[in-house]
């Protein structure tokens, strides 16, 4: 949930800082709102597991990568150092494509097939974000 929230913060900051780039502010603000929805999906997953924990297998997981990415996002949002728009788009694409997000979603899905549909929604949303970012970068190039 914290990873998705930090993505929201980064996109909100990008929305504010790139308001002079035609369409950038709206795109980033929309993506920020979507990240909050992703956080809500993760929260629903956690609630489901808590309520029905006996139905789930134990899964060994090393979540250092998730923590590292979350810390990186927090650092970007906290420092608020302006970068060229193309660099910001590249950073966002790299984060969205991150294997870390895929990894933690796989672990959640592995715990129970019931969660597979929820994790698939998050993966699909990431793919939509990547496509949106790449399309926008191509338009401003």
Protein backbone atom coordinates (compact mmCIF):
# COMPACT_ATOMS: atom_id res chain seq x y z
CA UNK A 1 0.00 0.00 0.00
CA UNK A 2 2.85 2.36 0.80
CA UNK A 3 4.46 1.75 -2.59
CA UNK A 4 1.26 2.75 -4.39
CA UNK A 5 0.85 5.79 -2.14
CA UNK A 6 4.40 6.98 -2.86
CA UNK A 7 3.70 6.60 -6.60
CA UNK A 8 0.66 8.82 -6.04
CA UNK A 9 2.87 11.44 -4.37
CA UNK A 10 5.42 11.39 -7.20
CA UNK A 11 2.71 11.78 -9.84
CA UNK A 12 1.06 14.62 -7.91
CA UNK A 13 4.41 16.41 -7.72
CA UNK A 14 5.01 15.82 -11.46
CA UNK A 15 1.52 17.19 -12.11
CA UNK A 16 2.38 20.38 -10.25
CA UNK A 17 5.88 20.89 -11.65
CA UNK A 18 5.08 20.17 -15.33
CA UNK A 19 1.91 22.26 -15.56
CA UNK A 20 3.48 24.30 -18.38
CA UNK A 21 3.83 21.21 -20.59
CA UNK A 22 0.60 20.82 -22.54
CA UNK A 23 -1.32 17.83 -21.19
CA UNK A 24 1.32 16.75 -18.66
CA UNK A 25 -0.42 18.03 -15.55
CA UNK A 26 -3.71 16.31 -16.38
CA UNK A 27 -1.99 13.04 -17.30
CA UNK A 28 0.07 12.93 -14.09
CA UNK A 29 -2.89 13.98 -11.91
CA UNK A 30 -5.02 11.22 -13.47
CA UNK A 31 -2.28 8.68 -12.83
CA UNK A 32 -1.91 9.91 -9.24
CA UNK A 33 -5.62 9.26 -8.65
CA UNK A 34 -5.26 5.82 -10.21
CA UNK A 35 -2.39 5.01 -7.85
CA UNK A 36 -4.72 5.68 -4.93
CA UNK A 37 -7.14 3.20 -6.47
CA UNK A 38 -4.28 0.69 -6.71
CA UNK A 39 -3.55 1.28 -3.03
CA UNK A 40 -7.22 0.53 -2.30
CA UNK A 41 -6.98 -2.74 -4.25
CA UNK A 42 -3.95 -3.78 -2.19
CA UNK A 43 -5.85 -2.83 0.97
CA UNK A 44 -8.75 -5.03 -0.15
CA UNK A 45 -6.32 -7.89 -0.71
CA UNK A 46 -4.90 -7.48 2.77
CA UNK A 47 -8.36 -7.37 4.32
CA UNK A 48 -9.40 -10.50 2.45
CA UNK A 49 -6.33 -12.37 3.67
CA UNK A 50 -6.88 -11.19 7.26
CA UNK A 51 -10.51 -12.28 7.23
CA UNK A 52 -9.84 -15.65 5.63
CA UNK A 53 -6.24 -16.32 6.64
CA UNK A 54 -6.81 -20.06 7.16
CA UNK A 55 -7.59 -20.44 3.45
CA UNK A 56 -4.17 -19.16 2.34
CA UNK A 57 -0.86 -20.92 2.09
CA UNK A 58 2.18 -19.45 3.76
CA UNK A 59 4.44 -17.75 1.23
CA UNK A 60 8.11 -16.99 1.84
CA UNK A 61 8.97 -13.59 0.46
CA UNK A 62 11.92 -11.24 0.39
CA UNK A 63 10.34 -7.81 0.13
CA UNK A 64 13.58 -5.81 0.26
CA UNK A 65 13.01 -4.74 -3.33
CA UNK A 66 9.57 -3.36 -2.50
CA UNK A 67 10.99 -1.45 0.46
CA UNK A 68 13.88 -0.12 -1.65
CA UNK A 69 11.54 1.12 -4.40
CA UNK A 70 9.17 2.64 -1.86
CA UNK A 71 12.08 4.49 -0.25
CA UNK A 72 13.26 5.72 -3.66
CA UNK A 73 9.79 7.05 -4.48
CA UNK A 74 9.51 8.74 -1.10
CA UNK A 75 12.90 10.34 -1.67
CA UNK A 76 11.87 11.66 -5.11
CA UNK A 77 8.61 13.06 -3.72
CA UNK A 78 10.26 14.57 -0.65
CA UNK A 79 13.20 16.21 -2.43
CA UNK A 80 11.02 17.62 -5.20
CA UNK A 81 14.05 18.23 -7.41
CA UNK A 82 12.86 19.33 -10.82
CA UNK A 83 14.16 17.29 -13.73
CA UNK A 84 13.52 17.64 -17.45
CA UNK A 85 10.08 16.31 -18.43
CA UNK A 86 11.59 13.53 -20.55
CA UNK A 87 13.67 12.36 -17.60
CA UNK A 88 10.59 12.40 -15.37
CA UNK A 89 8.72 10.31 -17.94
CA UNK A 90 11.63 7.86 -18.14
CA UNK A 91 11.72 7.55 -14.36
CA UNK A 92 7.98 6.91 -14.26
CA UNK A 93 8.21 4.25 -16.98
CA UNK A 94 11.05 2.49 -15.16
CA UNK A 95 9.09 2.47 -11.92
CA UNK A 96 5.91 1.21 -13.57
CA UNK A 97 7.81 -1.55 -15.31
CA UNK A 98 9.65 -2.47 -12.16
CA UNK A 99 9.96 -6.14 -11.52
CA UNK A 100 9.48 -5.33 -7.86
CA UNK A 101 5.79 -4.56 -8.35
CA UNK A 102 5.36 -7.68 -10.45
CA UNK A 103 7.18 -9.71 -7.81
CA UNK A 104 5.04 -8.69 -4.87
CA UNK A 105 1.84 -9.13 -6.89
CA UNK A 106 2.97 -12.63 -7.87
CA UNK A 107 3.55 -13.47 -4.23
CA UNK A 108 0.09 -12.29 -3.25
CA UNK A 109 -1.48 -14.25 -6.10
CA UNK A 110 0.58 -17.31 -5.20
CA UNK A 111 -0.90 -17.30 -1.70
CA UNK A 112 -4.37 -17.98 -3.10
CA UNK A 113 -5.94 -18.24 -6.54
CA UNK A 114 -8.75 -15.98 -5.25
CA UNK A 115 -6.30 -13.08 -5.27
CA UNK A 116 -5.13 -13.68 -8.82
CA UNK A 117 -7.89 -11.53 -10.34
CA UNK A 118 -7.12 -8.63 -8.02
CA UNK A 119 -3.40 -8.77 -8.77
CA UNK A 120 -4.12 -9.00 -12.50
CA UNK A 121 -6.01 -5.70 -12.23
CA UNK A 122 -2.91 -4.02 -10.80
CA UNK A 123 -0.64 -5.48 -13.47
CA UNK A 124 -3.04 -4.32 -16.19
CA UNK A 125 -3.12 -0.84 -14.68
CA UNK A 126 0.68 -0.69 -14.73
CA UNK A 127 0.72 -1.63 -18.41
CA UNK A 128 -1.81 1.12 -19.15
CA UNK A 129 0.38 3.62 -17.27
CA UNK A 130 3.49 2.57 -19.19
CA UNK A 131 1.70 2.94 -22.51
CA UNK A 132 0.29 6.34 -21.51
CA UNK A 133 3.73 7.59 -20.43
CA UNK A 134 5.46 6.35 -23.57
CA UNK A 135 2.75 7.79 -25.84
CA UNK A 136 3.00 11.14 -24.08
CA UNK A 137 6.80 11.16 -24.34
CA UNK A 138 6.56 10.42 -28.06
CA UNK A 139 4.08 13.30 -28.53
CA UNK A 140 6.37 15.87 -26.91
CA UNK A 141 9.56 14.68 -28.64
